[in-house]
Amino acid sequence: MRTWFITGASRGFGTLIAERALRAGDAVIATARKPEEIAARLGDHPNLLAVRLDVTREEQAHQAVAEGIKRFGRIDVLINNAGFGVLGAVEETSASETERLFATNVFGVLNVTRAVLPHMRRQRSGHVINISSIGGYHAYMGWGVYGSTKFAVEGITEALHQELAPLGIHATVVEPGFFRTDFLDEQSLVKTALELSDYDETVGAMRKHAEAANHAQPGDPVKFADAMLALVNAPKPPQRLALGSDTIARIEAKNRFVAQELAQWNELALSTDFKD
């Protein structure tokens, strides 16, 4: 029996992953700012421990991990899922909006990961899974600051993948596209207080698109949760896992663009080396 530690487990991906793990016979330490919502959704289960956790508070992360270890003795899978979005132009996103976003989406991931890794290192086993976004690989207008938090998660995970491999611990960053969750609802998505008319054709259009796309996204959240079980069961899990047809299309388009631009500017790029 594996033990999962899942952040943001009171709804969306977090709840579905916890549900699938429990069905597989595993134990789950499900965390959220309001753990009573976890119990309301998942019910009473002998292998479930609902724990209060605000990921922006490092002391709570250590406390939640300690409670989980006391109950189940180990943590085999960490799912850093807690996070939210901010929709607005880079210029429109205030310092306070940016700081709050990074506190959860980046520093929260680091807080929880630092709390869990000592136990995985002691075991010489484990799997750290960080939920990113297609916005962490390919930036979008209107999602620049949000995407920057996910770009940070991508970089953190790539480094973890190299650092943890000799210790028998895997690290994977998961890049979902648009899935039919409540991510575009007000409880998960914040719109910047400032909206500048100069961005009406770009960011304004993205705001309208987000409203129209809400609960009409192409991705199936249940299949996403199933994919997490497949990922954890893989003997050699990948460093990066893209999920969704929209994600695949965006990644392929960006890779083509980067290759073309690199070739176009190759001569200038190579000319900057010392001529020893």
Protein backbone atom coordinates (compact mmCIF):
# COMPACT_ATOMS: atom_id res chain seq x y z
CA MET A 1 0.00 0.00 0.00
CA ARG A 2 1.39 3.36 -1.07
CA THR A 3 0.74 6.59 0.79
CA TRP A 4 -0.12 9.71 -1.20
CA PHE A 5 0.20 13.29 0.06
CA ILE A 6 -2.05 15.56 -2.01
CA THR A 7 -2.40 19.33 -1.72
CA GLY A 8 -5.52 21.16 -2.84
CA ALA A 9 -7.54 17.99 -2.30
CA SER A 10 -10.90 19.56 -1.46
CA ARG A 11 -12.03 19.84 -5.10
CA GLY A 12 -11.03 19.45 -8.75
CA PHE A 13 -8.04 17.35 -9.66
CA GLY A 14 -7.05 16.89 -6.03
CA THR A 15 -10.33 15.24 -5.02
CA LEU A 16 -10.40 13.01 -8.09
CA ILE A 17 -6.82 11.84 -7.61
CA ALA A 18 -7.49 11.08 -3.94
CA GLU A 19 -10.60 9.14 -4.88
CA ARG A 20 -8.72 7.04 -7.44
CA ALA A 21 -5.84 6.34 -5.03
CA LEU A 22 -8.25 5.16 -2.34
CA ARG A 23 -10.02 2.90 -4.84
CA ALA A 24 -6.63 1.40 -5.71
CA GLY A 25 -6.20 0.42 -2.06
CA ASP A 26 -3.68 3.12 -1.23
CA ALA A 27 -3.60 5.50 1.72
CA VAL A 28 -4.14 9.23 1.17
CA ILE A 29 -3.12 12.24 3.21
CA ALA A 30 -5.48 14.78 1.66
CA THR A 31 -4.81 18.40 2.52
CA ALA A 32 -6.70 21.65 2.07
CA ARG A 33 -7.31 24.92 3.86
CA LYS A 34 -10.71 23.53 4.86
CA PRO A 35 -10.25 19.80 5.51
CA GLU A 36 -13.93 19.42 6.37
CA GLU A 37 -14.64 19.86 2.65
CA ILE A 38 -12.49 16.80 1.94
CA ALA A 39 -14.58 14.68 4.29
CA ALA A 40 -17.75 16.02 2.69
CA ARG A 41 -16.57 14.91 -0.76
CA LEU A 42 -14.71 11.69 0.02
CA GLY A 43 -16.56 10.51 3.11
CA ASP A 44 -15.13 8.48 5.97
CA HIS A 45 -12.45 6.01 4.85
CA PRO A 46 -9.93 4.07 6.96
CA ASN A 47 -7.12 4.93 4.53
CA LEU A 48 -7.95 8.65 4.37
CA LEU A 49 -6.48 11.36 6.58
CA ALA A 50 -7.81 14.87 5.95
CA VAL A 51 -5.39 17.53 7.20
CA ARG A 52 -5.54 21.31 7.32
CA LEU A 53 -2.84 22.93 5.16
CA ASP A 54 -2.29 26.39 3.80
CA VAL A 55 0.70 25.72 1.53
CA THR A 56 1.92 29.31 1.93
CA ARG A 57 2.73 28.54 5.58
CA GLU A 58 5.79 26.34 5.83
CA GLU A 59 5.17 25.39 9.46
CA GLN A 60 1.77 23.99 8.47
CA ALA A 61 3.43 21.92 5.73
CA HIS A 62 5.77 20.30 8.26
CA GLN A 63 2.89 19.74 10.68
CA ALA A 64 0.71 18.13 7.99
CA VAL A 65 3.55 15.84 6.92
CA ALA A 66 4.22 14.88 10.53
CA GLU A 67 0.55 13.96 11.02
CA GLY A 68 0.62 11.84 7.89
CA ILE A 69 3.81 10.04 8.89
CA LYS A 70 2.40 9.39 12.35
CA ARG A 71 -0.73 7.83 10.81
CA PHE A 72 0.72 5.87 7.87
CA GLY A 73 4.48 5.71 8.53
CA ARG A 74 5.63 6.89 5.09
CA ILE A 75 4.90 9.06 2.05
CA ASP A 76 5.42 7.49 -1.37
CA VAL A 77 3.75 9.99 -3.70
CA LEU A 78 3.61 13.77 -3.36
CA ILE A 79 1.10 15.59 -5.57
CA ASN A 80 1.70 19.35 -5.48
CA ASN A 81 -1.68 20.34 -6.86
CA ALA A 82 -2.76 23.42 -4.86
CA GLY A 83 -2.82 26.59 -6.89
CA PHE A 84 -4.95 29.22 -8.59
CA GLY A 85 -4.85 31.46 -11.65
CA VAL A 86 -4.69 35.16 -12.36
CA LEU A 87 -6.00 36.47 -15.68
CA GLY A 88 -4.69 39.82 -16.86
CA ALA A 89 -1.93 41.48 -18.84
CA VAL A 90 1.51 41.53 -17.28
CA GLU A 91 1.27 45.31 -16.86
CA GLU A 92 -2.21 45.01 -15.32
CA THR A 93 -1.11 42.51 -12.67
CA SER A 94 -0.24 44.41 -9.50
CA ALA A 95 2.64 43.62 -7.15
CA SER A 96 0.25 42.34 -4.48
CA GLU A 97 -1.61 40.12 -6.97
CA THR A 98 1.71 38.75 -8.21
CA GLU A 99 3.08 38.11 -4.72
CA ARG A 100 -0.07 36.26 -3.65
CA LEU A 101 0.06 34.10 -6.76
CA PHE A 102 3.73 33.18 -6.32
CA ALA A 103 3.17 32.51 -2.60
CA THR A 104 0.81 29.66 -3.46
CA ASN A 105 1.89 28.39 -6.87
CA VAL A 106 5.68 28.48 -6.35
CA PHE A 107 6.61 29.00 -2.70
CA GLY A 108 3.81 26.64 -1.67
CA VAL A 109 5.28 23.90 -3.87
CA LEU A 110 8.69 24.49 -2.32
CA ASN A 111 7.31 24.53 1.24
CA VAL A 112 5.57 21.18 0.87
CA THR A 113 8.39 19.57 -1.11
CA ARG A 114 10.96 20.53 1.53
CA ALA A 115 8.71 19.03 4.20
CA VAL A 116 8.24 15.72 2.37
CA LEU A 117 11.68 15.06 0.89
CA PRO A 118 13.51 14.16 4.14
CA HIS A 119 11.13 11.19 4.51
CA MET A 120 11.54 10.11 0.89
CA ARG A 121 15.32 10.39 1.20
CA ARG A 122 15.23 8.21 4.29
CA GLN A 123 13.17 5.63 2.38
CA ARG A 124 15.34 5.99 -0.74
CA SER A 125 12.11 5.94 -2.72
CA GLY A 126 9.22 8.17 -3.70
CA HIS A 127 7.72 10.23 -6.51
CA VAL A 128 7.29 14.00 -6.51
CA ILE A 129 4.62 15.10 -9.00
CA ASN A 130 4.19 18.83 -9.58
CA ILE A 131 1.07 19.97 -11.42
CA SER A 132 2.04 22.66 -13.92
CA SER A 133 0.06 23.70 -17.00
CA ILE A 134 0.48 24.10 -20.72
CA GLY A 135 0.97 27.72 -19.63
CA GLY A 136 4.20 26.58 -18.00
CA TYR A 137 5.60 25.53 -21.39
CA HIS A 138 3.94 27.95 -23.79
CA ALA A 139 3.01 31.45 -22.60
CA TYR A 140 -0.34 33.01 -23.48
CA MET A 141 -1.43 36.62 -23.59
CA GLY A 142 -3.41 37.35 -20.45
CA TRP A 143 -1.76 34.51 -18.56
CA GLY A 144 1.79 35.85 -18.39
CA VAL A 145 2.20 36.15 -14.63
CA TYR A 146 0.25 32.95 -13.94
CA GLY A 147 2.33 31.17 -16.58
CA SER A 148 5.51 32.46 -14.99
CA THR A 149 4.63 30.59 -11.78
CA LYS A 150 4.24 27.42 -13.79
CA PHE A 151 7.48 28.06 -15.71
CA ALA A 152 9.10 28.21 -12.26
CA VAL A 153 7.53 24.88 -11.30
CA GLU A 154 8.88 23.37 -14.54
CA GLY A 155 12.41 24.52 -13.72
CA ILE A 156 12.20 23.32 -10.13
CA THR A 157 11.01 19.91 -11.27
CA GLU A 158 13.70 19.51 -13.93
CA ALA A 159 16.35 20.17 -11.28
CA LEU A 160 14.65 17.82 -8.81
CA HIS A 161 14.59 15.13 -11.47
CA GLN A 162 18.39 15.28 -11.66
CA GLU A 163 19.03 15.75 -7.95
CA LEU A 164 16.74 12.98 -6.71
CA ALA A 165 17.40 10.26 -9.28
CA PRO A 166 20.53 8.92 -7.50
CA LEU A 167 18.44 8.64 -4.32
CA GLY A 168 15.79 6.43 -5.93
CA ILE A 169 13.22 9.23 -6.03
CA HIS A 170 11.37 10.27 -9.20
CA ALA A 171 10.23 13.78 -10.11
CA THR A 172 7.67 14.58 -12.81
CA VAL A 173 6.04 17.81 -13.92
CA VAL A 174 2.54 17.34 -15.34
CA GLU A 175 1.27 19.77 -17.97
CA PRO A 176 -2.51 19.64 -18.35
CA GLY A 177 -4.24 21.67 -20.98
CA PHE A 178 -7.78 22.96 -20.45
CA PHE A 179 -9.76 20.38 -18.48
CA ARG A 180 -13.41 20.66 -17.53
CA THR A 181 -12.85 21.58 -13.89
CA ASP A 182 -13.78 24.71 -11.96
CA PHE A 183 -10.43 26.38 -12.78
CA LEU A 184 -12.17 29.15 -14.73
CA ASP A 185 -14.68 29.75 -11.92
CA GLU A 186 -14.24 32.63 -9.50
CA GLN A 187 -13.05 30.32 -6.71
CA SER A 188 -10.00 29.30 -8.75
CA LEU A 189 -9.43 32.23 -11.09
CA VAL A 190 -8.78 35.85 -10.16
CA LYS A 191 -9.11 38.65 -12.70
CA THR A 192 -6.81 41.61 -12.22
CA ALA A 193 -8.38 44.66 -10.62
CA LEU A 194 -6.87 46.82 -13.37
CA GLU A 195 -8.05 46.45 -16.97
CA LEU A 196 -6.44 48.74 -19.54
CA SER A 197 -8.28 49.51 -22.78
CA ASP A 198 -5.06 49.25 -24.81
CA TYR A 199 -5.18 45.49 -24.20
CA ASP A 200 -8.79 45.02 -25.32
CA GLU A 201 -7.83 43.23 -28.55
CA THR A 202 -5.47 40.80 -26.81
CA VAL A 203 -6.12 40.27 -23.12
CA GLY A 204 -9.70 41.47 -23.43
CA ALA A 205 -10.31 38.81 -26.05
CA MET A 206 -8.73 36.23 -23.74
CA ARG A 207 -11.07 37.24 -20.91
CA LYS A 208 -14.08 36.69 -23.19
CA HIS A 209 -12.64 33.37 -24.37
CA ALA A 210 -12.17 32.20 -20.78
CA GLU A 211 -15.80 32.99 -19.96
CA ALA A 212 -17.04 31.14 -23.04
CA ALA A 213 -14.77 28.14 -22.45
CA ASN A 214 -15.76 27.63 -18.82
CA HIS A 215 -17.11 24.07 -18.36
CA ALA A 216 -16.68 23.48 -22.10
CA GLN A 217 -12.98 22.57 -21.99
CA PRO A 218 -11.87 19.51 -23.99
CA GLY A 219 -10.13 17.63 -21.17
CA ASP A 220 -11.90 15.04 -18.99
CA PRO A 221 -10.87 15.45 -15.32
CA VAL A 222 -11.69 11.82 -14.51
CA LYS A 223 -9.31 10.65 -17.23
CA PHE A 224 -6.70 13.05 -15.82
CA ALA A 225 -6.99 11.33 -12.43
CA ASP A 226 -6.68 7.93 -14.12
CA ALA A 227 -3.53 9.18 -15.86
CA MET A 228 -2.01 10.04 -12.47
CA LEU A 229 -2.45 6.41 -11.39
CA ALA A 230 -0.81 5.26 -14.61
CA LEU A 231 2.05 7.70 -14.03
CA VAL A 232 2.66 6.48 -10.48
CA ASN A 233 2.53 2.85 -11.63
CA ALA A 234 5.09 3.40 -14.41
CA PRO A 235 8.44 1.70 -13.67
CA LYS A 236 10.31 4.56 -15.35
CA PRO A 237 8.17 7.70 -15.02
CA PRO A 238 8.93 10.63 -17.33
CA GLN A 239 10.40 13.95 -16.30
CA ARG A 240 7.56 15.73 -18.12
CA LEU A 241 4.04 14.49 -18.86
CA ALA A 242 1.78 16.53 -21.16
CA LEU A 243 -1.93 15.72 -20.96
CA GLY A 244 -4.60 16.76 -23.45
CA SER A 245 -4.75 17.21 -27.19
CA ASP A 246 -4.58 20.99 -26.81
CA THR A 247 -1.39 20.66 -24.79
CA ILE A 248 0.25 18.40 -27.36
CA ALA A 249 -0.63 20.82 -30.17
CA ARG A 250 0.78 23.81 -28.27
CA ILE A 251 4.00 22.03 -27.35
CA GLU A 252 4.58 20.88 -30.92
CA ALA A 253 3.92 24.39 -32.25
CA LYS A 254 6.32 25.97 -29.76
CA ASN A 255 9.03 23.41 -30.46
CA ARG A 256 8.79 24.14 -34.18
CA PHE A 257 8.95 27.89 -33.55
CA VAL A 258 11.96 27.60 -31.23
CA ALA A 259 13.81 25.39 -33.71
CA GLN A 260 13.12 27.82 -36.58
CA GLU A 261 14.15 30.87 -34.59
CA LEU A 262 17.28 29.15 -33.31
CA ALA A 263 18.29 28.32 -36.86
CA GLN A 264 17.56 31.87 -38.03
CA TRP A 265 19.79 33.43 -35.34
CA ASN A 266 22.34 30.63 -35.13
CA GLU A 267 25.20 32.56 -36.69
CA LEU A 268 24.88 35.50 -34.30
CA ALA A 269 24.43 33.18 -31.32
CA LEU A 270 27.63 31.26 -32.11
CA SER A 271 29.60 34.46 -32.78
CA THR A 272 29.56 35.42 -29.07
CA ASP A 273 32.08 32.74 -27.98
CA PHE A 274 35.73 33.56 -27.28
CA LYS A 275 37.99 32.80 -30.25
CA ASP A 276 40.74 30.97 -28.38
